[in-house]
PDB file of N, CA and C in Angstrom:
ATOM      1  N   MET A   1       5.805 -10.484  -2.213  1.00  0.00           N
ATOM      2  CA  MET A   1       6.067  -9.070  -2.058  1.00  0.00           C
ATOM      3  C   MET A   1       5.156  -8.314  -3.019  1.00  0.00           C
ATOM      4  N   PRO A   2       4.388  -7.346  -2.539  1.00  0.00           N
ATOM      5  CA  PRO A   2       3.523  -6.593  -3.439  1.00  0.00           C
ATOM      6  C   PRO A   2       4.316  -5.638  -4.319  1.00  0.00           C
ATOM      7  N   ASN A   3       3.825  -5.409  -5.513  1.00  0.00           N
ATOM      8  CA  ASN A   3       4.427  -4.452  -6.436  1.00  0.00           C
ATOM      9  C   ASN A   3       3.343  -3.516  -6.932  1.00  0.00           C
ATOM     10  N   GLU A   4       3.719  -2.355  -7.366  1.00  0.00           N
ATOM     11  CA  GLU A   4       2.760  -1.419  -7.940  1.00  0.00           C
ATOM     12  C   GLU A   4       3.168  -1.114  -9.369  1.00  0.00           C
ATOM     13  N   ALA A   5       2.157  -0.887 -10.195  1.00  0.00           N
ATOM     14  CA  ALA A   5       2.364  -0.571 -11.605  1.00  0.00           C
ATOM     15  C   ALA A   5       1.219   0.324 -12.045  1.00  0.00           C
ATOM     16  N   LEU A   6       1.400   1.017 -13.167  1.00  0.00           N
ATOM     17  CA  LEU A   6       0.349   1.887 -13.676  1.00  0.00           C
ATOM     18  C   LEU A   6      -0.783   1.095 -14.320  1.00  0.00           C
ATOM     19  N   SER A   7      -0.474  -0.107 -14.820  1.00  0.00           N
ATOM     20  CA  SER A   7      -1.487  -1.000 -15.367  1.00  0.00           C
ATOM     21  C   SER A   7      -0.936  -2.425 -15.321  1.00  0.00           C
ATOM     22  N   GLU A   8      -1.785  -3.408 -15.612  1.00  0.00           N
ATOM     23  CA  GLU A   8      -1.336  -4.795 -15.583  1.00  0.00           C
ATOM     24  C   GLU A   8      -0.232  -5.059 -16.594  1.00  0.00           C
ATOM     25  N   ASP A   9      -0.203  -4.295 -17.684  1.00  0.00           N
ATOM     26  CA  ASP A   9       0.765  -4.520 -18.755  1.00  0.00           C
ATOM     27  C   ASP A   9       2.035  -3.682 -18.621  1.00  0.00           C
ATOM     28  N   SER A  10       2.139  -2.842 -17.611  1.00  0.00           N
ATOM     29  CA  SER A  10       3.304  -1.964 -17.501  1.00  0.00           C
ATOM     30  C   SER A  10       4.354  -2.547 -16.556  1.00  0.00           C
ATOM     31  N   VAL A  11       5.518  -1.960 -16.585  1.00  0.00           N
ATOM     32  CA  VAL A  11       6.637  -2.371 -15.731  1.00  0.00           C
ATOM     33  C   VAL A  11       6.359  -1.900 -14.307  1.00  0.00           C
ATOM     34  N   ASP A  12       6.769  -2.717 -13.318  1.00  0.00           N
ATOM     35  CA  ASP A  12       6.591  -2.340 -11.918  1.00  0.00           C
ATOM     36  C   ASP A  12       7.368  -1.065 -11.587  1.00  0.00           C
ATOM     37  N   ILE A  13       6.804  -0.264 -10.709  1.00  0.00           N
ATOM     38  CA  ILE A  13       7.447   0.954 -10.224  1.00  0.00           C
ATOM     39  C   ILE A  13       8.183   0.582  -8.944  1.00  0.00           C
ATOM     40  N   LEU A  14       9.501   0.658  -8.949  1.00  0.00           N
ATOM     41  CA  LEU A  14      10.286   0.232  -7.797  1.00  0.00           C
ATOM     42  C   LEU A  14      10.902   1.396  -7.027  1.00  0.00           C
ATOM     43  N   ARG A  15      10.904   2.589  -7.596  1.00  0.00           N
ATOM     44  CA  ARG A  15      11.518   3.724  -6.915  1.00  0.00           C
ATOM     45  C   ARG A  15      10.482   4.806  -6.709  1.00  0.00           C
ATOM     46  N   GLY A  16      10.416   5.285  -5.495  1.00  0.00           N
ATOM     47  CA  GLY A  16       9.600   6.447  -5.241  1.00  0.00           C
ATOM     48  C   GLY A  16       8.271   6.263  -4.554  1.00  0.00           C
ATOM     49  N   PRO A  17       7.632   5.063  -4.573  1.00  0.00           N
ATOM     50  CA  PRO A  17       6.327   4.989  -3.936  1.00  0.00           C
ATOM     51  C   PRO A  17       6.423   5.035  -2.417  1.00  0.00           C
ATOM     52  N   THR A  18       5.365   5.514  -1.803  1.00  0.00           N
ATOM     53  CA  THR A  18       5.221   5.481  -0.353  1.00  0.00           C
ATOM     54  C   THR A  18       4.059   4.554  -0.032  1.00  0.00           C
ATOM     55  N   TRP A  19       4.306   3.557   0.789  1.00  0.00           N
ATOM     56  CA  TRP A  19       3.298   2.586   1.209  1.00  0.00           C
ATOM     57  C   TRP A  19       2.846   2.973   2.607  1.00  0.00           C
ATOM     58  N   GLU A  20       1.550   3.176   2.801  1.00  0.00           N
ATOM     59  CA  GLU A  20       1.005   3.438   4.126  1.00  0.00           C
ATOM     60  C   GLU A  20       0.058   2.291   4.462  1.00  0.00           C
ATOM     61  N   ILE A  21       0.328   1.608   5.562  1.00  0.00           N
ATOM     62  CA  ILE A  21      -0.429   0.421   5.956  1.00  0.00           C
ATOM     63  C   ILE A  21      -1.194   0.746   7.240  1.00  0.00           C
ATOM     64  N   TYR A  22      -2.493   0.487   7.208  1.00  0.00           N
ATOM     65  CA  TYR A  22      -3.362   0.724   8.356  1.00  0.00           C
ATOM     66  C   TYR A  22      -4.109  -0.563   8.681  1.00  0.00           C
ATOM     67  N   ASN A  23      -4.452  -0.763   9.945  1.00  0.00           N
ATOM     68  CA  ASN A  23      -5.384  -1.822  10.278  1.00  0.00           C
ATOM     69  C   ASN A  23      -6.718  -1.462   9.651  1.00  0.00           C
ATOM     70  N   ALA A  24      -7.419  -2.457   9.101  1.00  0.00           N
ATOM     71  CA  ALA A  24      -8.727  -2.193   8.497  1.00  0.00           C
ATOM     72  C   ALA A  24      -9.789  -2.135   9.594  1.00  0.00           C
ATOM     73  N   ARG A  25     -10.643  -1.140   9.505  1.00  0.00           N
ATOM     74  CA  ARG A  25     -11.800  -1.055  10.398  1.00  0.00           C
ATOM     75  C   ARG A  25     -12.859  -2.045   9.911  1.00  0.00           C
ATOM     76  N   PRO A  26     -13.845  -2.373  10.747  1.00  0.00           N
ATOM     77  CA  PRO A  26     -14.908  -3.290  10.306  1.00  0.00           C
ATOM     78  C   PRO A  26     -15.657  -2.804   9.062  1.00  0.00           C
ATOM     79  N   ASP A  27     -15.718  -1.479   8.854  1.00  0.00           N
ATOM     80  CA  ASP A  27     -16.413  -0.954   7.676  1.00  0.00           C
ATOM     81  C   ASP A  27     -15.513  -0.929   6.434  1.00  0.00           C
ATOM     82  N   GLY A  28     -14.249  -1.408   6.560  1.00  0.00           N
ATOM     83  CA  GLY A  28     -13.326  -1.463   5.432  1.00  0.00           C
ATOM     84  C   GLY A  28     -12.432  -0.251   5.296  1.00  0.00           C
ATOM     85  N   GLY A  29     -12.645   0.771   6.082  1.00  0.00           N
ATOM     86  CA  GLY A  29     -11.823   1.974   6.016  1.00  0.00           C
ATOM     87  C   GLY A  29     -10.522   1.814   6.787  1.00  0.00           C
ATOM     88  N   ALA A  30      -9.726   2.877   6.771  1.00  0.00           N
ATOM     89  CA  ALA A  30      -8.424   2.869   7.441  1.00  0.00           C
ATOM     90  C   ALA A  30      -8.585   3.129   8.929  1.00  0.00           C
ATOM     91  N   GLY A  31      -7.968   2.283   9.722  1.00  0.00           N
ATOM     92  CA  GLY A  31      -7.923   2.466  11.162  1.00  0.00           C
ATOM     93  C   GLY A  31      -6.573   3.030  11.576  1.00  0.00           C
ATOM     94  N   GLU A  32      -6.005   2.461  12.635  1.00  0.00           N
ATOM     95  CA  GLU A  32      -4.715   2.914  13.146  1.00  0.00           C
ATOM     96  C   GLU A  32      -3.586   2.549  12.177  1.00  0.00           C
ATOM     97  N   ARG A  33      -2.653   3.504  11.968  1.00  0.00           N
ATOM     98  CA  ARG A  33      -1.522   3.236  11.075  1.00  0.00           C
ATOM     99  C   ARG A  33      -0.605   2.204  11.713  1.00  0.00           C
ATOM    100  N   VAL A  34      -0.211   1.203  10.901  1.00  0.00           N
ATOM    101  CA  VAL A  34       0.666   0.131  11.344  1.00  0.00           C
ATOM    102  C   VAL A  34       2.114   0.445  10.983  1.00  0.00           C
ATOM    103  N   ARG A  35       2.331   0.919   9.748  1.00  0.00           N
ATOM    104  CA  ARG A  35       3.688   1.228   9.300  1.00  0.00           C
ATOM    105  C   ARG A  35       3.648   2.044   8.022  1.00  0.00           C
ATOM    106  N   THR A  36       4.787   2.642   7.700  1.00  0.00           N
ATOM    107  CA  THR A  36       5.000   3.345   6.436  1.00  0.00           C
ATOM    108  C   THR A  36       6.304   2.829   5.853  1.00  0.00           C
ATOM    109  N   GLU A  37       6.284   2.489   4.559  1.00  0.00           N
ATOM    110  CA  GLU A  37       7.481   2.024   3.847  1.00  0.00           C
ATOM    111  C   GLU A  37       7.715   2.963   2.670  1.00  0.00           C
ATOM    112  N   TYR A  38       8.973   3.147   2.310  1.00  0.00           N
ATOM    113  CA  TYR A  38       9.340   3.994   1.179  1.00  0.00           C
ATOM    114  C   TYR A  38      10.069   3.167   0.128  1.00  0.00           C
ATOM    115  N   ASN A  39       9.816   3.470  -1.143  1.00  0.00           N
ATOM    116  CA  ASN A  39      10.431   2.773  -2.277  1.00  0.00           C
ATOM    117  C   ASN A  39       9.919   1.338  -2.336  1.00  0.00           C
ATOM    118  N   ALA A  40      10.746   0.383  -2.749  1.00  0.00           N
ATOM    119  CA  ALA A  40      10.306  -1.009  -2.875  1.00  0.00           C
ATOM    120  C   ALA A  40       9.930  -1.557  -1.496  1.00  0.00           C
ATOM    121  N   TRP A  41       8.853  -2.347  -1.446  1.00  0.00           N
ATOM    122  CA  TRP A  41       8.367  -2.908  -0.178  1.00  0.00           C
ATOM    123  C   TRP A  41       9.426  -3.821   0.428  1.00  0.00           C
ATOM    124  N   LYS A  42       9.749  -3.608   1.709  1.00  0.00           N
ATOM    125  CA  LYS A  42      10.755  -4.393   2.400  1.00  0.00           C
ATOM    126  C   LYS A  42      10.206  -5.076   3.640  1.00  0.00           C
ATOM    127  N   GLY A  43       8.989  -4.784   4.001  1.00  0.00           N
ATOM    128  CA  GLY A  43       8.453  -5.245   5.272  1.00  0.00           C
ATOM    129  C   GLY A  43       7.678  -6.541   5.196  1.00  0.00           C
ATOM    130  N   ASN A  44       7.279  -7.020   6.352  1.00  0.00           N
ATOM    131  CA  ASN A  44       6.395  -8.165   6.515  1.00  0.00           C
ATOM    132  C   ASN A  44       5.248  -7.739   7.413  1.00  0.00           C
ATOM    133  N   LEU A  45       4.081  -8.308   7.185  1.00  0.00           N
ATOM    134  CA  LEU A  45       2.920  -8.025   8.019  1.00  0.00           C
ATOM    135  C   LEU A  45       2.368  -9.328   8.567  1.00  0.00           C
ATOM    136  N   ASP A  46       1.870  -9.279   9.779  1.00  0.00           N
ATOM    137  CA  ASP A  46       1.173 -10.425  10.335  1.00  0.00           C
ATOM    138  C   ASP A  46      -0.114 -10.644   9.558  1.00  0.00           C
ATOM    139  N   PRO A  47      -0.620 -11.875   9.500  1.00  0.00           N
ATOM    140  CA  PRO A  47      -1.899 -12.105   8.832  1.00  0.00           C
ATOM    141  C   PRO A  47      -2.978 -11.218   9.442  1.00  0.00           C
ATOM    142  N   GLY A  48      -3.864 -10.728   8.603  1.00  0.00           N
ATOM    143  CA  GLY A  48      -4.953  -9.874   9.078  1.00  0.00           C
ATOM    144  C   GLY A  48      -5.506  -9.034   7.957  1.00  0.00           C
ATOM    145  N   ASN A  49      -6.431  -8.153   8.286  1.00  0.00           N
ATOM    146  CA  ASN A  49      -7.030  -7.250   7.310  1.00  0.00           C
ATOM    147  C   ASN A  49      -6.371  -5.884   7.428  1.00  0.00           C
ATOM    148  N   TYR A  50      -5.943  -5.345   6.287  1.00  0.00           N
ATOM    149  CA  TYR A  50      -5.246  -4.075   6.245  1.00  0.00           C
ATOM    150  C   TYR A  50      -5.856  -3.169   5.188  1.00  0.00           C
ATOM    151  N   PHE A  51      -5.705  -1.885   5.381  1.00  0.00           N
ATOM    152  CA  PHE A  51      -6.061  -0.866   4.402  1.00  0.00           C
ATOM    153  C   PHE A  51      -4.737  -0.300   3.925  1.00  0.00           C
ATOM    154  N   VAL A  52      -4.470  -0.379   2.624  1.00  0.00           N
ATOM    155  CA  VAL A  52      -3.171  -0.002   2.073  1.00  0.00           C
ATOM    156  C   VAL A  52      -3.341   1.151   1.094  1.00  0.00           C
ATOM    157  N   THR A  53      -2.525   2.196   1.232  1.00  0.00           N
ATOM    158  CA  THR A  53      -2.467   3.247   0.224  1.00  0.00           C
ATOM    159  C   THR A  53      -1.055   3.292  -0.320  1.00  0.00           C
ATOM    160  N   VAL A  54      -0.957   3.504  -1.619  1.00  0.00           N
ATOM    161  CA  VAL A  54       0.346   3.635  -2.280  1.00  0.00           C
ATOM    162  C   VAL A  54       0.344   4.960  -3.028  1.00  0.00           C
ATOM    163  N   THR A  55       1.263   5.839  -2.679  1.00  0.00           N
ATOM    164  CA  THR A  55       1.418   7.118  -3.350  1.00  0.00           C
ATOM    165  C   THR A  55       2.656   7.031  -4.229  1.00  0.00           C
ATOM    166  N   VAL A  56       2.465   7.234  -5.538  1.00  0.00           N
ATOM    167  CA  VAL A  56       3.594   7.146  -6.462  1.00  0.00           C
ATOM    168  C   VAL A  56       4.269   8.493  -6.611  1.00  0.00           C
ATOM    169  N   LYS A  57       3.509   9.552  -6.665  1.00  0.00           N
ATOM    170  CA  LYS A  57       4.077  10.891  -6.640  1.00  0.00           C
ATOM    171  C   LYS A  57       3.039  11.804  -6.017  1.00  0.00           C
ATOM    172  N   ALA A  58       3.435  12.965  -5.589  1.00  0.00           N
ATOM    173  CA  ALA A  58       2.542  13.873  -4.875  1.00  0.00           C
ATOM    174  C   ALA A  58       1.229  14.040  -5.625  1.00  0.00           C
ATOM    175  N   GLY A  59       0.139  13.881  -4.909  1.00  0.00           N
ATOM    176  CA  GLY A  59      -1.178  14.139  -5.473  1.00  0.00           C
ATOM    177  C   GLY A  59      -1.839  12.937  -6.125  1.00  0.00           C
ATOM    178  N   GLU A  60      -1.152  11.813  -6.255  1.00  0.00           N
ATOM    179  CA  GLU A  60      -1.764  10.626  -6.840  1.00  0.00           C
ATOM    180  C   GLU A  60      -1.746   9.504  -5.826  1.00  0.00           C
ATOM    181  N   ARG A  61      -2.921   8.957  -5.533  1.00  0.00           N
ATOM    182  CA  ARG A  61      -3.016   7.936  -4.505  1.00  0.00           C
ATOM    183  C   ARG A  61      -3.990   6.854  -4.946  1.00  0.00           C
ATOM    184  N   THR A  62      -3.648   5.624  -4.667  1.00  0.00           N
ATOM    185  CA  THR A  62      -4.509   4.493  -4.928  1.00  0.00           C
ATOM    186  C   THR A  62      -4.791   3.811  -3.605  1.00  0.00           C
ATOM    187  N   GLU A  63      -6.048   3.468  -3.339  1.00  0.00           N
ATOM    188  CA  GLU A  63      -6.407   2.808  -2.101  1.00  0.00           C
ATOM    189  C   GLU A  63      -6.916   1.417  -2.404  1.00  0.00           C
ATOM    190  N   VAL A  64      -6.395   0.450  -1.662  1.00  0.00           N
ATOM    191  CA  VAL A  64      -6.770  -0.948  -1.851  1.00  0.00           C
ATOM    192  C   VAL A  64      -6.955  -1.586  -0.488  1.00  0.00           C
ATOM    193  N   THR A  65      -7.998  -2.359  -0.306  1.00  0.00           N
ATOM    194  CA  THR A  65      -8.173  -3.124   0.906  1.00  0.00           C
ATOM    195  C   THR A  65      -7.646  -4.527   0.662  1.00  0.00           C
ATOM    196  N   VAL A  66      -6.740  -4.982   1.513  1.00  0.00           N
ATOM    197  CA  VAL A  66      -6.134  -6.294   1.360  1.00  0.00           C
ATOM    198  C   VAL A  66      -6.741  -7.219   2.411  1.00  0.00           C
ATOM    199  N   PRO A  67      -7.473  -8.251   1.974  1.00  0.00           N
ATOM    200  CA  PRO A  67      -8.082  -9.167   2.959  1.00  0.00           C
ATOM    201  C   PRO A  67      -7.046 -10.077   3.608  1.00  0.00           C
TER     202      PRO A  67
END
């Protein structure tokens, strides 16, 4: 299960994040949205390439490509 934190040494943030999962395009960008999860991650994804954004609070977003 993925977790988000402000740094490697900080405590995981379990309340409040929004996870947006997209199929990854061949260029690595976000394609079609697959799902949105709120708070702690509860979902499962089929194997594949995804583009993931996690918003912890309004205006702050981190983008990660998950192979």
